[in-house]
Amino acid sequence: MKRCKNCNNSFEPRFSTLERFCWVPECKTIEAMEKLAKIKRMEAKKQRADLKQRKEGLETVQTKMKKTQVIVNRFIRERDQGKQCITCAKILVGKFDAGHYYPAGSCFSIRFDPVNINGQCVRCNRDLHGNLIPYRESIKDRWGISELIRLDSMAKTTRKFTRDELDRIADQFKKRTRDLIKKNKL
C-alpha cells in the first residue's frame, strides 16, 4: 500500500508502483497540474537554450573579441595578484590593470599572449600610458630576452581571428583561471 501525495490516504497502485496519487478525481487533477507545470518548465528551459544559441550565432567577431579579452584579463589579474607591477614594482593587490606592452587594438597577433599582458598598477597603465621603457626592461627580466624577441617579431605580423578561434581561446583561459584559483586556495 502507498500513501497519496495529496490526501495522504492509502491506496493500491493500479498500473505502476511509481504512482504517487490515489484515484480520487481531485488528486488526479493535482497530479495532472503538476505534470503540466513540469512540461511548461521544460519547454521554457528549451526555449532559453535555443535563444542563447541563436544569440551566440549572431555575435560579431568584435563582440567575441571583447568578451575573450575580458576573460584573458581576468586570468592575468589572477596570475599577477600579489606580484609587483611590471613597471614600477608596486605590489599589486585589489584593483589593478592587465596592461599590454604592445597595444591590443593594433597588434592582434599577440593580443591574447600572456607574455604581452602583465599586471600593472592603474597609474602606470593609464596615467603614464603603459610606462613602456621600464615595461620593456621588466619583460626582459621576468620572461627572458628570447620571449621579448618573439614578441617583437610577432607584433609585426597581421592576424584575423575567427569566432571558433576566439571561443577556443576563451575556453582555454577560463580553464587556466579556474586551475589557478584552485591552486591558490590550496
C-alpha atoms as a PDB file:
ATOM      1  CA  MET A   1       0.000   0.000   0.000  1.00  0.00           C
ATOM      2  CA  LYS A   2       1.165   3.512  -0.795  1.00  0.00           C
ATOM      3  CA  ARG A   3       0.159   6.898   0.546  1.00  0.00           C
ATOM      4  CA  CYS A   4      -1.270   9.557  -1.740  1.00  0.00           C
ATOM      5  CA  LYS A   5       0.935  12.607  -2.063  1.00  0.00           C
ATOM      6  CA  ASN A   6      -2.071  14.922  -1.906  1.00  0.00           C
ATOM      7  CA  CYS A   7      -4.637  13.486   0.537  1.00  0.00           C
ATOM      8  CA  ASN A   8      -2.314  11.112   2.423  1.00  0.00           C
ATOM      9  CA  ASN A   9      -4.814   8.213   2.137  1.00  0.00           C
ATOM     10  CA  SER A  10      -3.622   4.683   1.497  1.00  0.00           C
ATOM     11  CA  PHE A  11      -4.189   3.316  -1.996  1.00  0.00           C
ATOM     12  CA  GLU A  12      -3.260   0.355  -4.145  1.00  0.00           C
ATOM     13  CA  PRO A  13      -1.379   1.346  -7.338  1.00  0.00           C
ATOM     14  CA  ARG A  14      -3.216   0.173 -10.479  1.00  0.00           C
ATOM     15  CA  PHE A  15      -0.633   0.392 -13.246  1.00  0.00           C
ATOM     16  CA  SER A  16       2.759   1.136 -11.744  1.00  0.00           C
ATOM     17  CA  THR A  17       4.432   1.065  -8.368  1.00  0.00           C
ATOM     18  CA  LEU A  18       5.646   4.592  -9.130  1.00  0.00           C
ATOM     19  CA  GLU A  19       2.166   6.106  -8.852  1.00  0.00           C
ATOM     20  CA  ARG A  20       2.131   8.894  -6.280  1.00  0.00           C
ATOM     21  CA  PHE A  21      -1.520   9.894  -6.258  1.00  0.00           C
ATOM     22  CA  CYS A  22      -4.667   7.916  -5.470  1.00  0.00           C
ATOM     23  CA  TRP A  23      -7.519   7.613  -7.953  1.00  0.00           C
ATOM     24  CA  VAL A  24      -9.753  10.265  -6.366  1.00  0.00           C
ATOM     25  CA  PRO A  25     -10.573  12.881  -9.061  1.00  0.00           C
ATOM     26  CA  GLU A  26      -9.218  15.807  -7.001  1.00  0.00           C
ATOM     27  CA  CYS A  27      -5.883  14.024  -6.510  1.00  0.00           C
ATOM     28  CA  LYS A  28      -5.624  13.075 -10.183  1.00  0.00           C
ATOM     29  CA  THR A  29      -6.365  16.699 -11.115  1.00  0.00           C
ATOM     30  CA  ILE A  30      -3.482  17.876  -8.920  1.00  0.00           C
ATOM     31  CA  GLU A  31      -1.222  15.227 -10.498  1.00  0.00           C
ATOM     32  CA  ALA A  32      -2.181  16.432 -13.982  1.00  0.00           C
ATOM     33  CA  MET A  33      -1.485  20.049 -12.995  1.00  0.00           C
ATOM     34  CA  GLU A  34       1.970  19.083 -11.668  1.00  0.00           C
ATOM     35  CA  LYS A  35       2.763  17.256 -14.906  1.00  0.00           C
ATOM     36  CA  LEU A  36       1.603  20.246 -16.940  1.00  0.00           C
ATOM     37  CA  ALA A  37       3.771  22.617 -14.874  1.00  0.00           C
ATOM     38  CA  LYS A  38       6.767  20.319 -15.370  1.00  0.00           C
ATOM     39  CA  ILE A  39       6.200  20.247 -19.132  1.00  0.00           C
ATOM     40  CA  LYS A  40       5.953  24.055 -19.221  1.00  0.00           C
ATOM     41  CA  ARG A  41       9.210  24.393 -17.252  1.00  0.00           C
ATOM     42  CA  MET A  42      10.977  22.025 -19.651  1.00  0.00           C
ATOM     43  CA  GLU A  43       9.661  23.943 -22.687  1.00  0.00           C
ATOM     44  CA  ALA A  44      10.768  27.270 -21.178  1.00  0.00           C
ATOM     45  CA  LYS A  45      14.237  25.837 -20.495  1.00  0.00           C
ATOM     46  CA  LYS A  46      14.452  24.569 -24.076  1.00  0.00           C
ATOM     47  CA  GLN A  47      13.379  27.980 -25.406  1.00  0.00           C
ATOM     48  CA  ARG A  48      16.014  29.757 -23.296  1.00  0.00           C
ATOM     49  CA  ALA A  49      18.709  27.398 -24.553  1.00  0.00           C
ATOM     50  CA  ASP A  50      17.564  27.918 -28.147  1.00  0.00           C
ATOM     51  CA  LEU A  51      17.543  31.695 -27.702  1.00  0.00           C
ATOM     52  CA  LYS A  52      21.034  31.620 -26.191  1.00  0.00           C
ATOM     53  CA  GLN A  53      22.312  29.550 -29.113  1.00  0.00           C
ATOM     54  CA  ARG A  54      20.753  31.913 -31.661  1.00  0.00           C
ATOM     55  CA  LYS A  55      22.218  34.955 -29.881  1.00  0.00           C
ATOM     56  CA  GLU A  56      25.680  33.376 -29.911  1.00  0.00           C
ATOM     57  CA  GLY A  57      25.294  32.764 -33.629  1.00  0.00           C
ATOM     58  CA  LEU A  58      24.573  36.458 -34.178  1.00  0.00           C
ATOM     59  CA  GLU A  59      27.597  37.716 -32.200  1.00  0.00           C
ATOM     60  CA  THR A  60      30.134  39.529 -34.307  1.00  0.00           C
ATOM     61  CA  VAL A  61      33.834  38.765 -34.192  1.00  0.00           C
ATOM     62  CA  GLN A  62      34.415  42.124 -32.470  1.00  0.00           C
ATOM     63  CA  THR A  63      31.925  41.255 -29.713  1.00  0.00           C
ATOM     64  CA  LYS A  64      33.544  37.868 -29.176  1.00  0.00           C
ATOM     65  CA  MET A  65      36.963  39.533 -29.150  1.00  0.00           C
ATOM     66  CA  LYS A  66      35.885  41.905 -26.375  1.00  0.00           C
ATOM     67  CA  LYS A  67      34.453  39.040 -24.327  1.00  0.00           C
ATOM     68  CA  THR A  68      37.619  36.996 -24.845  1.00  0.00           C
ATOM     69  CA  GLN A  69      39.755  39.967 -23.794  1.00  0.00           C
ATOM     70  CA  VAL A  70      37.790  40.245 -20.539  1.00  0.00           C
ATOM     71  CA  ILE A  71      38.407  36.538 -19.834  1.00  0.00           C
ATOM     72  CA  VAL A  72      42.135  36.813 -20.625  1.00  0.00           C
ATOM     73  CA  ASN A  73      42.467  39.916 -18.436  1.00  0.00           C
ATOM     74  CA  ARG A  74      40.767  38.053 -15.571  1.00  0.00           C
ATOM     75  CA  PHE A  75      43.403  35.322 -15.911  1.00  0.00           C
ATOM     76  CA  ILE A  76      46.234  37.899 -15.888  1.00  0.00           C
ATOM     77  CA  ARG A  77      44.839  39.575 -12.769  1.00  0.00           C
ATOM     78  CA  GLU A  78      44.579  36.225 -11.011  1.00  0.00           C
ATOM     79  CA  ARG A  79      48.090  35.221 -12.123  1.00  0.00           C
ATOM     80  CA  ASP A  80      49.721  38.503 -11.065  1.00  0.00           C
ATOM     81  CA  GLN A  81      47.791  39.029  -7.800  1.00  0.00           C
ATOM     82  CA  GLY A  82      50.338  39.818  -5.079  1.00  0.00           C
ATOM     83  CA  LYS A  83      53.225  40.260  -7.539  1.00  0.00           C
ATOM     84  CA  GLN A  84      54.933  43.532  -8.396  1.00  0.00           C
ATOM     85  CA  CYS A  85      53.712  45.953 -11.042  1.00  0.00           C
ATOM     86  CA  ILE A  86      55.663  45.156 -14.200  1.00  0.00           C
ATOM     87  CA  THR A  87      56.872  48.779 -14.495  1.00  0.00           C
ATOM     88  CA  CYS A  88      57.150  50.371 -11.031  1.00  0.00           C
ATOM     89  CA  ALA A  89      57.487  47.356  -8.684  1.00  0.00           C
ATOM     90  CA  LYS A  90      54.431  48.359  -6.597  1.00  0.00           C
ATOM     91  CA  ILE A  91      52.769  45.275  -5.046  1.00  0.00           C
ATOM     92  CA  LEU A  92      49.520  44.532  -6.891  1.00  0.00           C
ATOM     93  CA  VAL A  93      46.592  43.914  -4.564  1.00  0.00           C
ATOM     94  CA  GLY A  94      42.937  44.730  -5.057  1.00  0.00           C
ATOM     95  CA  LYS A  95      42.229  46.515  -8.327  1.00  0.00           C
ATOM     96  CA  PHE A  96      44.906  46.719 -10.981  1.00  0.00           C
ATOM     97  CA  ASP A  97      45.066  46.631 -14.761  1.00  0.00           C
ATOM     98  CA  ALA A  98      46.141  43.948 -17.174  1.00  0.00           C
ATOM     99  CA  GLY A  99      48.499  46.144 -19.170  1.00  0.00           C
ATOM    100  CA  HIS A 100      49.610  45.309 -22.710  1.00  0.00           C
ATOM    101  CA  TYR A 101      53.144  46.092 -23.842  1.00  0.00           C
ATOM    102  CA  TYR A 102      52.059  46.041 -27.470  1.00  0.00           C
ATOM    103  CA  PRO A 103      48.597  47.646 -27.755  1.00  0.00           C
ATOM    104  CA  ALA A 104      45.671  45.247 -28.059  1.00  0.00           C
ATOM    105  CA  GLY A 105      43.987  47.415 -30.680  1.00  0.00           C
ATOM    106  CA  SER A 106      46.828  47.429 -33.183  1.00  0.00           C
ATOM    107  CA  CYS A 107      48.741  44.178 -32.593  1.00  0.00           C
ATOM    108  CA  PHE A 108      46.108  41.477 -32.994  1.00  0.00           C
ATOM    109  CA  SER A 109      48.625  38.671 -33.368  1.00  0.00           C
ATOM    110  CA  ILE A 110      49.725  38.967 -29.718  1.00  0.00           C
ATOM    111  CA  ARG A 111      46.579  40.474 -28.248  1.00  0.00           C
ATOM    112  CA  PHE A 112      45.940  37.426 -26.047  1.00  0.00           C
ATOM    113  CA  ASP A 113      49.594  36.470 -25.409  1.00  0.00           C
ATOM    114  CA  PRO A 114      50.215  36.177 -21.641  1.00  0.00           C
ATOM    115  CA  VAL A 115      53.788  37.457 -22.061  1.00  0.00           C
ATOM    116  CA  ASN A 116      52.494  40.643 -23.696  1.00  0.00           C
ATOM    117  CA  ILE A 117      49.942  41.196 -20.905  1.00  0.00           C
ATOM    118  CA  ASN A 118      51.116  41.729 -17.333  1.00  0.00           C
ATOM    119  CA  GLY A 119      49.699  43.096 -14.118  1.00  0.00           C
ATOM    120  CA  GLN A 120      50.212  46.836 -13.980  1.00  0.00           C
ATOM    121  CA  CYS A 121      49.095  49.457 -11.492  1.00  0.00           C
ATOM    122  CA  VAL A 122      46.477  51.926 -12.709  1.00  0.00           C
ATOM    123  CA  ARG A 123      48.932  54.839 -12.535  1.00  0.00           C
ATOM    124  CA  CYS A 124      51.484  53.188 -14.828  1.00  0.00           C
ATOM    125  CA  ASN A 125      48.959  51.779 -17.282  1.00  0.00           C
ATOM    126  CA  ARG A 126      46.518  54.668 -17.618  1.00  0.00           C
ATOM    127  CA  ASP A 127      48.261  57.815 -16.398  1.00  0.00           C
ATOM    128  CA  LEU A 128      51.711  57.021 -17.808  1.00  0.00           C
ATOM    129  CA  HIS A 129      50.283  55.315 -20.926  1.00  0.00           C
ATOM    130  CA  GLY A 130      51.868  51.963 -20.163  1.00  0.00           C
ATOM    131  CA  ASN A 131      55.229  53.310 -18.939  1.00  0.00           C
ATOM    132  CA  LEU A 132      56.778  51.443 -21.873  1.00  0.00           C
ATOM    133  CA  ILE A 133      60.528  51.864 -21.294  1.00  0.00           C
ATOM    134  CA  PRO A 134      60.534  50.180 -17.862  1.00  0.00           C
ATOM    135  CA  TYR A 135      57.921  47.725 -19.196  1.00  0.00           C
ATOM    136  CA  ARG A 136      60.346  46.503 -21.880  1.00  0.00           C
ATOM    137  CA  GLU A 137      63.148  46.024 -19.360  1.00  0.00           C
ATOM    138  CA  SER A 138      60.839  44.183 -16.975  1.00  0.00           C
ATOM    139  CA  ILE A 139      59.633  41.827 -19.727  1.00  0.00           C
ATOM    140  CA  LYS A 140      63.289  41.012 -20.387  1.00  0.00           C
ATOM    141  CA  ASP A 141      63.857  40.348 -16.663  1.00  0.00           C
ATOM    142  CA  ARG A 142      60.622  38.451 -15.998  1.00  0.00           C
ATOM    143  CA  TRP A 143      60.224  36.419 -19.179  1.00  0.00           C
ATOM    144  CA  GLY A 144      63.678  36.468 -20.770  1.00  0.00           C
ATOM    145  CA  ILE A 145      65.228  38.047 -23.835  1.00  0.00           C
ATOM    146  CA  SER A 146      64.024  35.230 -26.112  1.00  0.00           C
ATOM    147  CA  GLU A 147      60.374  35.957 -25.231  1.00  0.00           C
ATOM    148  CA  LEU A 148      60.907  39.662 -25.865  1.00  0.00           C
ATOM    149  CA  ILE A 149      62.408  38.926 -29.287  1.00  0.00           C
ATOM    150  CA  ARG A 150      59.471  36.606 -30.030  1.00  0.00           C
ATOM    151  CA  LEU A 151      57.006  39.356 -29.063  1.00  0.00           C
ATOM    152  CA  ASP A 152      58.842  41.897 -31.225  1.00  0.00           C
ATOM    153  CA  SER A 153      58.706  39.636 -34.272  1.00  0.00           C
ATOM    154  CA  MET A 154      55.083  38.552 -33.754  1.00  0.00           C
ATOM    155  CA  ALA A 155      53.900  42.144 -33.247  1.00  0.00           C
ATOM    156  CA  LYS A 156      54.792  42.906 -36.852  1.00  0.00           C
ATOM    157  CA  THR A 157      52.579  40.160 -38.272  1.00  0.00           C
ATOM    158  CA  THR A 158      48.895  40.528 -39.047  1.00  0.00           C
ATOM    159  CA  ARG A 159      46.241  38.203 -37.743  1.00  0.00           C
ATOM    160  CA  LYS A 160      42.488  37.805 -38.001  1.00  0.00           C
ATOM    161  CA  PHE A 161      40.563  35.687 -35.546  1.00  0.00           C
ATOM    162  CA  THR A 162      37.539  33.574 -36.345  1.00  0.00           C
ATOM    163  CA  ARG A 163      34.637  33.021 -33.968  1.00  0.00           C
ATOM    164  CA  ASP A 164      35.744  29.449 -33.336  1.00  0.00           C
ATOM    165  CA  GLU A 165      39.296  30.535 -32.502  1.00  0.00           C
ATOM    166  CA  LEU A 166      38.014  33.145 -30.073  1.00  0.00           C
ATOM    167  CA  ASP A 167      35.724  30.592 -28.419  1.00  0.00           C
ATOM    168  CA  ARG A 168      38.642  28.193 -28.079  1.00  0.00           C
ATOM    169  CA  ILE A 169      40.908  30.887 -26.604  1.00  0.00           C
ATOM    170  CA  ALA A 170      38.182  31.961 -24.161  1.00  0.00           C
ATOM    171  CA  ASP A 171      37.588  28.370 -23.039  1.00  0.00           C
ATOM    172  CA  GLN A 172      41.330  27.793 -22.633  1.00  0.00           C
ATOM    173  CA  PHE A 173      41.777  30.877 -20.443  1.00  0.00           C
ATOM    174  CA  LYS A 174      38.650  30.096 -18.399  1.00  0.00           C
ATOM    175  CA  LYS A 175      40.136  26.695 -17.607  1.00  0.00           C
ATOM    176  CA  ARG A 176      43.533  28.205 -16.774  1.00  0.00           C
ATOM    177  CA  THR A 177      41.862  30.740 -14.461  1.00  0.00           C
ATOM    178  CA  ARG A 178      39.881  28.015 -12.655  1.00  0.00           C
ATOM    179  CA  ASP A 179      43.046  25.938 -12.242  1.00  0.00           C
ATOM    180  CA  LEU A 180      44.947  28.955 -10.914  1.00  0.00           C
ATOM    181  CA  ILE A 181      42.189  29.816  -8.420  1.00  0.00           C
ATOM    182  CA  LYS A 182      42.071  26.196  -7.267  1.00  0.00           C
ATOM    183  CA  LYS A 183      45.866  26.138  -6.889  1.00  0.00           C
ATOM    184  CA  ASN A 184      45.876  29.406  -4.923  1.00  0.00           C
ATOM    185  CA  LYS A 185      43.261  28.085  -2.487  1.00  0.00           C
ATOM    186  CA  LEU A 186      45.440  25.107  -1.554  1.00  0.00           C
END
